[in-house]
N, C-alpha and C. Protein backbone atom coordinates (compact mmCIF):
# COMPACT_ATOMS: atom_id res chain seq x y z
N ASP A 1 122.33 116.69 117.06
CA ASP A 1 122.68 115.34 117.50
C ASP A 1 123.90 115.42 118.41
N LEU A 2 123.64 115.32 119.73
CA LEU A 2 124.71 115.46 120.71
C LEU A 2 125.54 114.19 120.86
N CYS A 3 124.98 113.08 120.35
CA CYS A 3 125.69 111.80 120.48
C CYS A 3 125.74 111.11 119.11
N PRO A 4 126.48 111.68 118.17
CA PRO A 4 126.45 111.16 116.78
C PRO A 4 126.97 109.74 116.65
N ASN A 5 127.79 109.30 117.59
CA ASN A 5 128.37 107.96 117.49
C ASN A 5 127.65 106.93 118.36
N THR A 6 126.51 107.32 118.94
CA THR A 6 125.75 106.41 119.79
C THR A 6 124.70 105.67 118.98
N GLN A 7 124.56 104.38 119.25
CA GLN A 7 123.58 103.57 118.52
C GLN A 7 122.17 104.05 118.82
N LYS A 8 121.40 104.25 117.77
CA LYS A 8 120.01 104.69 117.92
C LYS A 8 119.11 103.47 118.15
N PRO A 9 117.92 103.67 118.77
CA PRO A 9 117.04 102.53 119.09
C PRO A 9 116.75 101.62 117.90
N TYR A 10 116.45 102.19 116.74
CA TYR A 10 116.07 101.36 115.60
C TYR A 10 117.22 100.47 115.13
N GLU A 11 118.45 100.90 115.36
CA GLU A 11 119.61 100.17 114.85
C GLU A 11 119.81 98.82 115.52
N LEU A 12 119.16 98.60 116.67
CA LEU A 12 119.27 97.31 117.32
C LEU A 12 118.53 96.21 116.58
N PHE A 13 117.44 96.59 115.87
CA PHE A 13 116.55 95.59 115.32
C PHE A 13 116.19 95.78 113.84
N CYS A 14 116.31 97.02 113.34
CA CYS A 14 115.74 97.35 112.04
C CYS A 14 116.78 98.03 111.14
N THR A 15 116.43 98.15 109.86
CA THR A 15 117.35 98.78 108.91
C THR A 15 116.92 100.18 108.50
N SER A 16 115.65 100.53 108.76
CA SER A 16 115.13 101.81 108.29
C SER A 16 114.71 102.70 109.46
N GLU A 17 115.39 103.83 109.60
CA GLU A 17 115.00 104.78 110.64
C GLU A 17 113.66 105.43 110.30
N ALA A 18 113.44 105.69 109.02
CA ALA A 18 112.20 106.37 108.60
C ALA A 18 110.97 105.54 108.90
N ASP A 19 111.09 104.20 108.80
CA ASP A 19 109.93 103.32 109.01
C ASP A 19 109.81 102.83 110.45
N PHE A 20 110.77 103.14 111.28
CA PHE A 20 110.77 102.66 112.67
C PHE A 20 109.63 103.31 113.46
N LYS A 21 108.85 102.50 114.15
CA LYS A 21 107.66 102.98 114.88
C LYS A 21 108.02 103.26 116.33
N ASP A 22 108.75 104.32 116.53
CA ASP A 22 109.37 104.65 117.81
C ASP A 22 108.38 104.66 118.98
N ASP A 23 107.18 105.22 118.77
CA ASP A 23 106.22 105.40 119.86
C ASP A 23 105.17 104.30 119.95
N THR A 24 105.29 103.27 119.13
CA THR A 24 104.30 102.18 119.16
C THR A 24 104.55 101.27 120.36
N PRO A 25 103.51 100.99 121.17
CA PRO A 25 103.69 100.09 122.32
C PRO A 25 104.02 98.67 121.89
N VAL A 26 104.92 98.04 122.63
CA VAL A 26 105.27 96.64 122.38
C VAL A 26 104.70 95.77 123.50
N ILE A 27 104.80 96.25 124.72
CA ILE A 27 104.36 95.48 125.88
C ILE A 27 103.06 96.09 126.44
N TYR A 28 102.11 95.20 126.73
CA TYR A 28 100.81 95.60 127.27
C TYR A 28 100.57 94.95 128.63
N GLU A 29 99.56 95.44 129.34
CA GLU A 29 99.12 94.83 130.59
C GLU A 29 97.64 94.50 130.48
N CYS A 30 97.25 93.40 131.09
CA CYS A 30 95.85 92.96 131.10
C CYS A 30 95.23 93.43 132.41
N LYS A 31 94.37 94.45 132.32
CA LYS A 31 93.88 95.12 133.54
C LYS A 31 92.38 94.93 133.74
N GLY A 32 92.02 94.77 135.02
CA GLY A 32 90.63 94.62 135.42
C GLY A 32 90.54 94.51 136.93
N THR A 33 89.37 94.19 137.43
CA THR A 33 89.17 94.18 138.88
C THR A 33 88.74 92.82 139.44
N ASP A 34 88.41 91.88 138.57
CA ASP A 34 87.88 90.59 139.02
C ASP A 34 89.02 89.57 139.16
N SER A 35 89.51 89.43 140.39
CA SER A 35 90.66 88.55 140.62
C SER A 35 90.33 87.10 140.28
N GLN A 36 89.10 86.68 140.55
CA GLN A 36 88.72 85.30 140.29
C GLN A 36 88.71 85.00 138.80
N ALA A 37 88.19 85.95 138.02
CA ALA A 37 88.17 85.77 136.56
C ALA A 37 89.60 85.65 136.03
N CYS A 38 90.50 86.48 136.53
CA CYS A 38 91.92 86.41 136.15
C CYS A 38 92.48 85.02 136.43
N GLU A 39 92.25 84.52 137.65
CA GLU A 39 92.81 83.23 138.05
C GLU A 39 92.16 82.07 137.31
N ASP A 40 90.86 82.21 136.99
CA ASP A 40 90.17 81.15 136.26
C ASP A 40 90.78 80.94 134.88
N PHE A 41 91.37 82.01 134.33
CA PHE A 41 91.96 81.91 133.00
C PHE A 41 93.49 81.78 133.07
N GLY A 42 93.99 81.36 134.25
CA GLY A 42 95.41 81.05 134.36
C GLY A 42 96.30 82.19 134.75
N GLY A 43 95.71 83.35 135.07
CA GLY A 43 96.51 84.50 135.46
C GLY A 43 96.85 84.52 136.93
N ASN A 44 97.69 85.47 137.29
CA ASN A 44 98.09 85.68 138.68
C ASN A 44 97.76 87.13 139.00
N TYR A 45 96.75 87.36 139.84
CA TYR A 45 96.21 88.71 140.00
C TYR A 45 97.02 89.56 140.97
N ASN A 46 97.40 90.76 140.49
CA ASN A 46 98.08 91.76 141.32
C ASN A 46 97.05 92.82 141.69
N ALA A 47 96.50 92.70 142.93
CA ALA A 47 95.41 93.57 143.35
C ALA A 47 95.84 95.02 143.47
N GLU A 48 97.10 95.24 143.86
CA GLU A 48 97.59 96.61 144.05
C GLU A 48 97.58 97.39 142.74
N GLU A 49 97.94 96.72 141.64
CA GLU A 49 98.00 97.39 140.34
C GLU A 49 96.83 97.04 139.42
N GLY A 50 95.97 96.10 139.86
CA GLY A 50 94.84 95.70 139.03
C GLY A 50 95.25 95.01 137.74
N ILE A 51 96.35 94.24 137.79
CA ILE A 51 96.89 93.58 136.60
C ILE A 51 96.77 92.07 136.73
N CYS A 52 96.35 91.43 135.64
CA CYS A 52 96.35 89.97 135.58
C CYS A 52 97.67 89.55 134.93
N ASN A 53 98.62 89.14 135.77
CA ASN A 53 99.93 88.72 135.27
C ASN A 53 99.88 87.30 134.72
N GLU A 54 100.98 86.86 134.12
CA GLU A 54 101.10 85.55 133.46
C GLU A 54 100.21 85.44 132.23
N ILE A 55 99.79 86.59 131.69
CA ILE A 55 99.01 86.65 130.46
C ILE A 55 99.91 87.25 129.39
N ASN A 56 99.83 86.73 128.16
CA ASN A 56 100.68 87.19 127.06
C ASN A 56 100.67 88.72 126.97
N PRO A 57 101.83 89.38 127.15
CA PRO A 57 101.87 90.84 127.13
C PRO A 57 102.06 91.45 125.74
N PHE A 58 102.16 90.59 124.72
CA PHE A 58 102.42 91.08 123.36
C PHE A 58 101.21 90.96 122.43
N ASN A 59 100.26 90.10 122.80
CA ASN A 59 99.10 89.84 121.95
C ASN A 59 97.85 89.81 122.83
N SER A 60 96.77 90.42 122.35
CA SER A 60 95.57 90.59 123.18
C SER A 60 94.71 89.34 123.30
N GLU A 61 95.03 88.27 122.57
CA GLU A 61 94.14 87.12 122.48
C GLU A 61 93.78 86.54 123.84
N GLU A 62 94.77 86.33 124.71
CA GLU A 62 94.49 85.75 126.02
C GLU A 62 93.69 86.71 126.89
N CYS A 63 94.10 87.97 126.93
CA CYS A 63 93.43 88.96 127.78
C CYS A 63 91.98 89.16 127.34
N ASP A 64 91.74 89.11 126.03
CA ASP A 64 90.39 89.33 125.51
C ASP A 64 89.40 88.25 125.96
N THR A 65 89.92 87.08 126.36
CA THR A 65 89.01 86.00 126.80
C THR A 65 88.58 86.16 128.25
N ILE A 66 89.22 87.07 129.00
CA ILE A 66 88.91 87.23 130.43
C ILE A 66 87.84 88.31 130.60
N PRO A 67 86.66 87.95 131.09
CA PRO A 67 85.58 88.94 131.24
C PRO A 67 85.98 90.12 132.12
N GLY A 68 85.75 91.33 131.62
CA GLY A 68 86.00 92.54 132.40
C GLY A 68 87.43 93.03 132.37
N PHE A 69 88.30 92.39 131.59
CA PHE A 69 89.69 92.81 131.52
C PHE A 69 89.98 93.46 130.16
N THR A 70 90.90 94.43 130.19
CA THR A 70 91.25 95.20 129.00
C THR A 70 92.75 95.17 128.78
N PHE A 71 93.15 95.08 127.53
CA PHE A 71 94.56 95.04 127.14
C PHE A 71 95.05 96.47 126.98
N ILE A 72 95.87 96.93 127.94
CA ILE A 72 96.28 98.33 128.02
C ILE A 72 97.76 98.49 127.68
N PRO A 73 98.11 99.41 126.76
CA PRO A 73 99.53 99.60 126.44
C PRO A 73 100.30 100.19 127.61
N THR A 74 101.55 99.74 127.77
CA THR A 74 102.44 100.31 128.79
C THR A 74 103.33 101.38 128.15
N GLU A 75 104.23 101.90 128.95
CA GLU A 75 105.16 102.91 128.42
C GLU A 75 106.29 102.28 127.61
N TYR A 76 106.32 100.94 127.55
CA TYR A 76 107.41 100.26 126.86
C TYR A 76 107.12 100.19 125.36
N THR A 77 107.58 101.21 124.67
CA THR A 77 107.40 101.34 123.23
C THR A 77 108.61 100.78 122.49
N CYS A 78 108.52 100.81 121.17
CA CYS A 78 109.65 100.35 120.35
C CYS A 78 110.94 101.08 120.71
N GLY A 79 110.83 102.37 120.98
CA GLY A 79 111.99 103.17 121.30
C GLY A 79 112.67 102.78 122.59
N LEU A 80 111.95 102.04 123.46
CA LEU A 80 112.53 101.63 124.74
C LEU A 80 112.95 100.16 124.78
N MET A 81 112.80 99.46 123.67
CA MET A 81 113.13 98.04 123.68
C MET A 81 114.61 97.77 123.90
N MET A 82 115.44 98.79 123.68
CA MET A 82 116.87 98.62 123.93
C MET A 82 117.16 98.30 125.39
N ILE A 83 116.24 98.67 126.28
CA ILE A 83 116.40 98.38 127.71
C ILE A 83 116.37 96.88 127.95
N PHE A 84 115.51 96.16 127.20
CA PHE A 84 115.30 94.74 127.43
C PHE A 84 116.31 93.87 126.70
N VAL A 85 116.85 94.35 125.60
CA VAL A 85 117.78 93.53 124.82
C VAL A 85 119.04 94.33 124.52
N PRO A 86 119.83 94.61 125.56
CA PRO A 86 121.05 95.39 125.32
C PRO A 86 122.05 94.66 124.44
N GLU A 87 122.07 93.34 124.53
CA GLU A 87 122.94 92.53 123.68
C GLU A 87 122.13 91.35 123.18
N ILE A 88 122.12 91.14 121.89
CA ILE A 88 121.36 90.05 121.31
C ILE A 88 122.10 88.73 121.52
N ASP A 89 121.41 87.77 122.13
CA ASP A 89 121.93 86.42 122.29
C ASP A 89 121.28 85.55 121.22
N CYS A 90 122.07 85.08 120.28
CA CYS A 90 121.53 84.35 119.14
C CYS A 90 121.28 82.87 119.41
N ASN A 91 121.55 82.42 120.64
CA ASN A 91 121.31 81.02 120.96
C ASN A 91 119.81 80.73 120.93
N ILE A 92 119.42 79.67 120.25
CA ILE A 92 118.01 79.30 120.16
C ILE A 92 117.47 79.06 121.57
N GLY A 93 116.30 79.66 121.85
CA GLY A 93 115.68 79.51 123.16
C GLY A 93 116.01 80.61 124.12
N SER A 94 116.97 81.48 123.80
CA SER A 94 117.30 82.58 124.71
C SER A 94 116.18 83.60 124.71
N THR A 95 116.12 84.39 125.79
CA THR A 95 115.07 85.40 125.91
C THR A 95 115.10 86.37 124.74
N SER A 96 116.28 86.84 124.38
CA SER A 96 116.36 87.84 123.32
C SER A 96 116.03 87.26 121.95
N SER A 97 116.37 85.96 121.72
CA SER A 97 116.04 85.37 120.41
C SER A 97 114.54 85.17 120.29
N SER A 98 113.84 85.00 121.42
CA SER A 98 112.39 84.87 121.40
C SER A 98 111.72 86.23 121.27
N LEU A 99 112.31 87.24 121.90
CA LEU A 99 111.76 88.59 121.85
C LEU A 99 111.97 89.27 120.50
N LEU A 100 113.07 88.95 119.87
CA LEU A 100 113.48 89.66 118.65
C LEU A 100 112.40 89.68 117.56
N PRO A 101 111.81 88.51 117.19
CA PRO A 101 110.78 88.58 116.13
C PRO A 101 109.55 89.37 116.53
N ILE A 102 109.22 89.37 117.83
CA ILE A 102 108.07 90.16 118.31
C ILE A 102 108.36 91.64 118.15
N ILE A 103 109.54 92.05 118.57
CA ILE A 103 109.93 93.46 118.47
C ILE A 103 109.97 93.90 117.01
N GLN A 104 110.60 93.08 116.16
CA GLN A 104 110.75 93.46 114.76
C GLN A 104 109.40 93.55 114.04
N SER A 105 108.50 92.60 114.28
CA SER A 105 107.21 92.63 113.59
C SER A 105 106.37 93.83 114.04
N THR A 106 106.59 94.30 115.27
CA THR A 106 105.84 95.44 115.79
C THR A 106 106.46 96.77 115.36
N CYS A 107 107.77 96.82 115.30
CA CYS A 107 108.46 98.10 115.23
C CYS A 107 109.09 98.48 113.90
N CYS A 108 109.44 97.53 113.06
CA CYS A 108 110.30 97.83 111.91
C CYS A 108 109.58 98.34 110.67
N GLY A 109 108.24 98.19 110.64
CA GLY A 109 107.51 98.69 109.48
C GLY A 109 107.58 97.81 108.26
N GLY A 110 107.72 96.50 108.47
CA GLY A 110 107.75 95.57 107.34
C GLY A 110 108.95 94.64 107.42
N THR A 111 108.76 93.40 106.94
CA THR A 111 109.84 92.40 107.03
C THR A 111 111.08 92.82 106.26
N GLU A 112 110.90 93.66 105.23
CA GLU A 112 112.07 94.11 104.45
C GLU A 112 112.99 95.00 105.28
N ASN A 113 112.48 95.47 106.43
CA ASN A 113 113.28 96.33 107.31
C ASN A 113 113.85 95.59 108.52
N HIS A 114 113.67 94.26 108.58
CA HIS A 114 114.20 93.50 109.70
C HIS A 114 115.71 93.34 109.55
N LEU A 115 116.43 93.69 110.59
CA LEU A 115 117.88 93.52 110.59
C LEU A 115 118.20 92.08 110.95
N ASP A 116 118.96 91.39 110.13
CA ASP A 116 119.33 90.01 110.40
C ASP A 116 120.52 90.00 111.35
N LEU A 117 120.19 89.89 112.64
CA LEU A 117 121.23 89.97 113.67
C LEU A 117 121.93 88.64 113.90
N CYS A 118 121.30 87.57 113.44
CA CYS A 118 121.87 86.24 113.68
C CYS A 118 121.92 85.47 112.36
N PRO A 119 122.71 85.92 111.39
CA PRO A 119 122.69 85.30 110.06
C PRO A 119 123.13 83.85 110.04
N ASN A 120 123.95 83.46 111.02
CA ASN A 120 124.46 82.08 111.02
C ASN A 120 123.75 81.18 112.02
N THR A 121 122.66 81.69 112.61
CA THR A 121 121.93 80.93 113.61
C THR A 121 120.71 80.28 112.98
N GLN A 122 120.45 79.04 113.35
CA GLN A 122 119.28 78.34 112.83
C GLN A 122 118.01 79.05 113.27
N LYS A 123 117.11 79.29 112.33
CA LYS A 123 115.85 79.95 112.64
C LYS A 123 114.82 78.92 113.08
N PRO A 124 113.79 79.35 113.83
CA PRO A 124 112.81 78.39 114.36
C PRO A 124 112.22 77.45 113.31
N TYR A 125 111.85 77.97 112.15
CA TYR A 125 111.20 77.12 111.15
C TYR A 125 112.12 76.03 110.62
N GLU A 126 113.43 76.27 110.66
CA GLU A 126 114.39 75.32 110.07
C GLU A 126 114.47 74.00 110.83
N LEU A 127 113.96 73.97 112.07
CA LEU A 127 113.96 72.73 112.82
C LEU A 127 112.96 71.72 112.28
N PHE A 128 111.87 72.23 111.65
CA PHE A 128 110.76 71.35 111.31
C PHE A 128 110.24 71.50 109.87
N CYS A 129 110.48 72.65 109.27
CA CYS A 129 109.80 72.99 108.01
C CYS A 129 110.81 73.43 106.94
N THR A 130 110.32 73.52 105.70
CA THR A 130 111.19 73.93 104.60
C THR A 130 110.91 75.35 104.12
N SER A 131 109.76 75.91 104.50
CA SER A 131 109.38 77.23 103.99
C SER A 131 109.25 78.25 105.11
N GLU A 132 110.11 79.26 105.08
CA GLU A 132 110.01 80.33 106.08
C GLU A 132 108.76 81.17 105.84
N ALA A 133 108.40 81.38 104.58
CA ALA A 133 107.25 82.22 104.25
C ALA A 133 105.94 81.63 104.76
N ASP A 134 105.84 80.29 104.78
CA ASP A 134 104.60 79.63 105.19
C ASP A 134 104.58 79.27 106.67
N PHE A 135 105.69 79.48 107.36
CA PHE A 135 105.79 79.10 108.77
C PHE A 135 104.89 79.98 109.63
N LYS A 136 104.08 79.35 110.48
CA LYS A 136 103.09 80.07 111.30
C LYS A 136 103.68 80.38 112.67
N ASP A 137 104.57 81.34 112.70
CA ASP A 137 105.38 81.63 113.87
C ASP A 137 104.57 81.87 115.13
N ASP A 138 103.46 82.61 115.02
CA ASP A 138 102.69 83.03 116.20
C ASP A 138 101.51 82.11 116.53
N THR A 139 101.35 81.02 115.80
CA THR A 139 100.23 80.10 116.04
C THR A 139 100.49 79.24 117.26
N PRO A 140 99.56 79.21 118.23
CA PRO A 140 99.75 78.36 119.42
C PRO A 140 99.80 76.89 119.07
N VAL A 141 100.69 76.16 119.72
CA VAL A 141 100.79 74.71 119.55
C VAL A 141 100.26 74.00 120.79
N ILE A 142 100.61 74.53 121.95
CA ILE A 142 100.23 73.92 123.22
C ILE A 142 99.14 74.75 123.90
N TYR A 143 98.12 74.04 124.37
CA TYR A 143 96.99 74.68 125.05
C TYR A 143 96.86 74.13 126.47
N GLU A 144 96.05 74.80 127.28
CA GLU A 144 95.72 74.32 128.62
C GLU A 144 94.20 74.24 128.75
N CYS A 145 93.74 73.24 129.47
CA CYS A 145 92.31 73.03 129.71
C CYS A 145 91.98 73.65 131.06
N LYS A 146 91.27 74.79 131.04
CA LYS A 146 91.10 75.58 132.26
C LYS A 146 89.64 75.66 132.70
N GLY A 147 89.49 75.60 134.01
CA GLY A 147 88.16 75.72 134.62
C GLY A 147 88.28 75.66 136.13
N THR A 148 87.15 75.54 136.82
CA THR A 148 87.18 75.61 138.29
C THR A 148 86.63 74.37 138.98
N ASP A 149 86.03 73.45 138.22
CA ASP A 149 85.38 72.28 138.83
C ASP A 149 86.35 71.10 138.86
N SER A 150 87.00 70.92 140.01
CA SER A 150 88.01 69.86 140.13
C SER A 150 87.41 68.48 139.93
N GLN A 151 86.18 68.28 140.41
CA GLN A 151 85.55 66.96 140.29
C GLN A 151 85.26 66.62 138.83
N ALA A 152 84.79 67.62 138.08
CA ALA A 152 84.52 67.38 136.66
C ALA A 152 85.80 67.00 135.92
N CYS A 153 86.90 67.69 136.25
CA CYS A 153 88.20 67.37 135.66
C CYS A 153 88.57 65.92 135.94
N GLU A 154 88.46 65.51 137.20
CA GLU A 154 88.86 64.15 137.59
C GLU A 154 87.92 63.09 137.02
N ASP A 155 86.63 63.43 136.89
CA ASP A 155 85.66 62.49 136.32
C ASP A 155 86.00 62.13 134.88
N PHE A 156 86.66 63.07 134.20
CA PHE A 156 87.02 62.84 132.79
C PHE A 156 88.49 62.44 132.63
N GLY A 157 89.09 61.98 133.75
CA GLY A 157 90.45 61.42 133.66
C GLY A 157 91.56 62.41 133.84
N GLY A 158 91.23 63.66 134.22
CA GLY A 158 92.25 64.67 134.41
C GLY A 158 92.81 64.69 135.81
N ASN A 159 93.83 65.49 136.00
CA ASN A 159 94.47 65.70 137.31
C ASN A 159 94.42 67.20 137.57
N TYR A 160 93.61 67.63 138.52
CA TYR A 160 93.32 69.07 138.67
C TYR A 160 94.39 69.81 139.46
N ASN A 161 94.88 70.90 138.87
CA ASN A 161 95.82 71.80 139.55
C ASN A 161 95.03 73.02 140.00
N ALA A 162 94.68 73.04 141.30
CA ALA A 162 93.81 74.10 141.82
C ALA A 162 94.48 75.46 141.79
N GLU A 163 95.80 75.49 141.98
CA GLU A 163 96.51 76.76 142.02
C GLU A 163 96.44 77.48 140.67
N GLU A 164 96.52 76.74 139.58
CA GLU A 164 96.51 77.34 138.24
C GLU A 164 95.18 77.15 137.51
N GLY A 165 94.26 76.38 138.12
CA GLY A 165 92.97 76.15 137.48
C GLY A 165 93.06 75.36 136.20
N ILE A 166 94.01 74.42 136.15
CA ILE A 166 94.26 73.64 134.94
C ILE A 166 93.93 72.17 135.18
N CYS A 167 93.26 71.57 134.20
CA CYS A 167 93.01 70.13 134.24
C CYS A 167 94.13 69.46 133.43
N ASN A 168 95.11 68.94 134.15
CA ASN A 168 96.25 68.29 133.51
C ASN A 168 95.88 66.88 133.04
N GLU A 169 96.80 66.25 132.31
CA GLU A 169 96.61 64.91 131.73
C GLU A 169 95.54 64.92 130.64
N ILE A 170 95.22 66.11 130.12
CA ILE A 170 94.28 66.27 129.02
C ILE A 170 95.10 66.66 127.79
N ASN A 171 94.75 66.14 126.64
CA ASN A 171 95.49 66.41 125.41
C ASN A 171 95.70 67.92 125.22
N PRO A 172 96.97 68.38 125.21
CA PRO A 172 97.23 69.82 125.10
C PRO A 172 97.31 70.33 123.66
N PHE A 173 97.11 69.43 122.69
CA PHE A 173 97.26 69.81 121.29
C PHE A 173 95.93 69.86 120.54
N ASN A 174 94.91 69.21 121.09
CA ASN A 174 93.61 69.12 120.43
C ASN A 174 92.52 69.34 121.47
N SER A 175 91.49 70.11 121.12
CA SER A 175 90.47 70.51 122.10
C SER A 175 89.45 69.43 122.41
N GLU A 176 89.47 68.29 121.68
CA GLU A 176 88.41 67.30 121.79
C GLU A 176 88.16 66.84 123.21
N GLU A 177 89.23 66.49 123.95
CA GLU A 177 89.05 66.01 125.33
C GLU A 177 88.56 67.11 126.26
N CYS A 178 89.18 68.28 126.16
CA CYS A 178 88.80 69.40 127.04
C CYS A 178 87.36 69.82 126.80
N ASP A 179 86.92 69.78 125.55
CA ASP A 179 85.57 70.22 125.21
C ASP A 179 84.49 69.34 125.85
N THR A 180 84.86 68.12 126.24
CA THR A 180 83.87 67.22 126.85
C THR A 180 83.70 67.48 128.35
N ILE A 181 84.58 68.28 128.95
CA ILE A 181 84.52 68.52 130.39
C ILE A 181 83.68 69.77 130.66
N PRO A 182 82.55 69.64 131.34
CA PRO A 182 81.67 70.80 131.59
C PRO A 182 82.39 71.92 132.32
N GLY A 183 82.27 73.14 131.79
CA GLY A 183 82.84 74.32 132.46
C GLY A 183 84.30 74.56 132.20
N PHE A 184 84.93 73.76 131.33
CA PHE A 184 86.35 73.93 131.04
C PHE A 184 86.53 74.48 129.62
N THR A 185 87.58 75.29 129.46
CA THR A 185 87.86 75.95 128.18
C THR A 185 89.29 75.66 127.75
N PHE A 186 89.47 75.45 126.46
CA PHE A 186 90.78 75.15 125.87
C PHE A 186 91.46 76.47 125.53
N ILE A 187 92.48 76.85 126.32
CA ILE A 187 93.10 78.17 126.23
C ILE A 187 94.51 78.05 125.67
N PRO A 188 94.85 78.87 124.66
CA PRO A 188 96.22 78.81 124.11
C PRO A 188 97.24 79.32 125.12
N THR A 189 98.41 78.68 125.16
CA THR A 189 99.51 79.14 125.99
C THR A 189 100.44 80.01 125.14
N GLU A 190 101.51 80.45 125.75
CA GLU A 190 102.50 81.26 125.02
C GLU A 190 103.38 80.41 124.11
N TYR A 191 103.20 79.08 124.17
CA TYR A 191 104.07 78.20 123.40
C TYR A 191 103.56 78.08 121.96
N THR A 192 104.06 78.99 121.14
CA THR A 192 103.70 79.05 119.72
C THR A 192 104.70 78.24 118.89
N CYS A 193 104.44 78.20 117.59
CA CYS A 193 105.37 77.51 116.69
C CYS A 193 106.79 78.05 116.83
N GLY A 194 106.90 79.36 117.00
CA GLY A 194 108.21 79.98 117.10
C GLY A 194 108.98 79.58 118.34
N LEU A 195 108.28 79.05 119.36
CA LEU A 195 108.94 78.64 120.59
C LEU A 195 109.11 77.13 120.72
N MET A 196 108.70 76.38 119.70
CA MET A 196 108.83 74.93 119.78
C MET A 196 110.28 74.47 119.85
N MET A 197 111.20 75.35 119.43
CA MET A 197 112.62 75.00 119.50
C MET A 197 113.05 74.72 120.93
N ILE A 198 112.33 75.27 121.91
CA ILE A 198 112.66 75.04 123.31
C ILE A 198 112.44 73.58 123.68
N PHE A 199 111.39 72.98 123.12
CA PHE A 199 111.02 71.62 123.49
C PHE A 199 111.76 70.54 122.72
N VAL A 200 112.20 70.85 121.51
CA VAL A 200 112.87 69.85 120.69
C VAL A 200 114.20 70.39 120.18
N PRO A 201 115.15 70.62 121.10
CA PRO A 201 116.44 71.15 120.66
C PRO A 201 117.19 70.18 119.75
N GLU A 202 116.98 68.89 119.97
CA GLU A 202 117.59 67.87 119.11
C GLU A 202 116.54 66.81 118.82
N ILE A 203 116.32 66.52 117.57
CA ILE A 203 115.32 65.53 117.18
C ILE A 203 115.86 64.13 117.41
N ASP A 204 115.11 63.34 118.18
CA ASP A 204 115.43 61.93 118.41
C ASP A 204 114.49 61.11 117.54
N CYS A 205 115.03 60.43 116.54
CA CYS A 205 114.19 59.72 115.57
C CYS A 205 113.77 58.33 116.03
N ASN A 206 114.15 57.94 117.25
CA ASN A 206 113.73 56.64 117.74
C ASN A 206 112.22 56.61 117.96
N ILE A 207 111.58 55.56 117.45
CA ILE A 207 110.13 55.45 117.59
C ILE A 207 109.76 55.45 119.07
N GLY A 208 108.77 56.27 119.42
CA GLY A 208 108.33 56.35 120.81
C GLY A 208 108.97 57.47 121.60
N SER A 209 109.99 58.10 121.07
CA SER A 209 110.62 59.21 121.79
C SER A 209 109.69 60.41 121.82
N THR A 210 109.90 61.28 122.79
CA THR A 210 109.05 62.47 122.93
C THR A 210 109.08 63.31 121.67
N SER A 211 110.27 63.55 121.13
CA SER A 211 110.37 64.44 119.98
C SER A 211 109.79 63.81 118.72
N SER A 212 109.89 62.46 118.58
CA SER A 212 109.30 61.82 117.39
C SER A 212 107.79 61.87 117.46
N SER A 213 107.21 61.90 118.66
CA SER A 213 105.76 62.02 118.83
C SER A 213 105.31 63.46 118.62
N LEU A 214 106.11 64.39 119.08
CA LEU A 214 105.78 65.81 118.95
C LEU A 214 105.92 66.31 117.52
N LEU A 215 106.88 65.76 116.79
CA LEU A 215 107.23 66.29 115.48
C LEU A 215 106.04 66.41 114.52
N PRO A 216 105.23 65.34 114.32
CA PRO A 216 104.11 65.49 113.37
C PRO A 216 103.07 66.51 113.84
N ILE A 217 102.91 66.66 115.15
CA ILE A 217 101.96 67.65 115.69
C ILE A 217 102.46 69.06 115.38
N ILE A 218 103.74 69.28 115.64
CA ILE A 218 104.33 70.59 115.37
C ILE A 218 104.26 70.91 113.88
N GLN A 219 104.64 69.95 113.05
CA GLN A 219 104.66 70.21 111.61
C GLN A 219 103.27 70.47 111.05
N SER A 220 102.27 69.70 111.48
CA SER A 220 100.92 69.90 110.94
C SER A 220 100.34 71.24 111.38
N THR A 221 100.78 71.74 112.53
CA THR A 221 100.28 73.02 113.04
C THR A 221 101.03 74.20 112.43
N CYS A 222 102.33 74.02 112.21
CA CYS A 222 103.20 75.17 111.96
C CYS A 222 103.70 75.36 110.53
N CYS A 223 103.79 74.29 109.76
CA CYS A 223 104.53 74.37 108.49
C CYS A 223 103.74 74.90 107.31
N GLY A 224 102.40 74.96 107.44
CA GLY A 224 101.60 75.50 106.34
C GLY A 224 101.37 74.54 105.19
N GLY A 225 101.34 73.23 105.50
CA GLY A 225 101.08 72.23 104.46
C GLY A 225 102.11 71.13 104.46
N THR A 226 101.69 69.90 104.12
CA THR A 226 102.61 68.75 104.17
C THR A 226 103.79 68.91 103.22
N GLU A 227 103.60 69.69 102.15
CA GLU A 227 104.71 69.90 101.21
C GLU A 227 105.85 70.69 101.85
N ASN A 228 105.59 71.30 103.01
CA ASN A 228 106.62 72.09 103.70
C ASN A 228 107.23 71.35 104.89
N HIS A 229 106.85 70.07 105.08
CA HIS A 229 107.40 69.30 106.21
C HIS A 229 108.84 68.88 105.89
N LEU A 230 109.73 69.16 106.80
CA LEU A 230 111.12 68.75 106.66
C LEU A 230 111.26 67.30 107.10
N ASP A 231 111.82 66.46 106.26
CA ASP A 231 112.00 65.03 106.61
C ASP A 231 113.24 64.89 107.47
N LEU A 232 113.03 64.90 108.77
CA LEU A 232 114.15 64.87 109.70
C LEU A 232 114.61 63.44 110.00
N CYS A 233 113.78 62.48 109.69
CA CYS A 233 114.13 61.09 110.00
C CYS A 233 113.93 60.22 108.75
N PRO A 234 114.72 60.45 107.70
CA PRO A 234 114.50 59.75 106.41
C PRO A 234 114.71 58.25 106.49
N ASN A 235 115.50 57.81 107.47
CA ASN A 235 115.81 56.38 107.55
C ASN A 235 115.02 55.66 108.63
N THR A 236 114.02 56.36 109.20
CA THR A 236 113.20 55.76 110.27
C THR A 236 111.98 55.11 109.67
N GLN A 237 111.60 53.95 110.22
CA GLN A 237 110.43 53.20 109.74
C GLN A 237 109.16 54.02 109.96
């Protein structure tokens, strides 16, 4: 050990060196050759590298829906994650606070090995729920209605974004509206329960406010049962 006083990769995120998955890939690329298929599913095609960008690089779910594309591991393994998070920012919504649970669940070898780097920082579930164990951190909350027929989108009351292939003004939380539009698919975005803190940094309990409308949707999707809903507005009608 030529650098005995230097922090080792596992020490940034985990408590157990023996269980640390040093060579396990964390970041993947969605690769294929059909640029149109990539764009139809909301990606941005890099023809030079054959990569469909803007697709979740940590979970294969989005890439698996694109015909002819494969989820390929990159060289960015657990052992190299120190490059991306040299200093942990515990502020809710920061890049490193969003990356941290992904890195730990992939690399540490079990929740008992997760290093609590932000003991005094509010965790995502605490904004809406009472049970951390039942919180569905990786479950998508917001979806996009994607397809290529702009007229069909508009016929059903949508506003078509040709650049992204998205039919806007369609309910992003429930597939019912999108399912009625021929040729359109309800695709999960990267906005999972764990990232809802970005949208509701402070709960406004006034009836009709954005956060008061979002709150029951988030809780029903993320909390794992009504018994785990946090009553954030006890004095509201």
